[in-house]
Amino acid sequence: MSHPGNGPFTKSDQSAPIVLGSRYASNTGSRSWEEDILGRDILPSGSSVVINIDDGSGYCKYDFLAVFEDGDEVVSNDNNVCELSDFNFTD
């Protein structure tokens, strides 16, 4: 399933029993992360959330950063959100 523009897709936490505390997405090549996508919420292990990264730019390539409650960080670079319908982070 593909999406025109940089539309919504599902991100899920498929990690060990570690809770995901923060998620960030920024245009590939950006030097800084945008705001925390989850805000004050957390994403328990095995859960999923639909995220809409549409910022009106039509830009498709994004880097993702996940910060788990135990402090571990996982970065996934160069994700094409115009074609992506599902994405999993694992710790």
Foldseek 3Di string as FASTA:
>chain_A
DFAQFLFKAKEAEQEDQWKWQFKWKDAFPDPDTDDTQQVRDIHTHPGMDIGTPHPPPSRFFMKMWIAIPVGDIDIDGGGGSRGHRYHYDYD
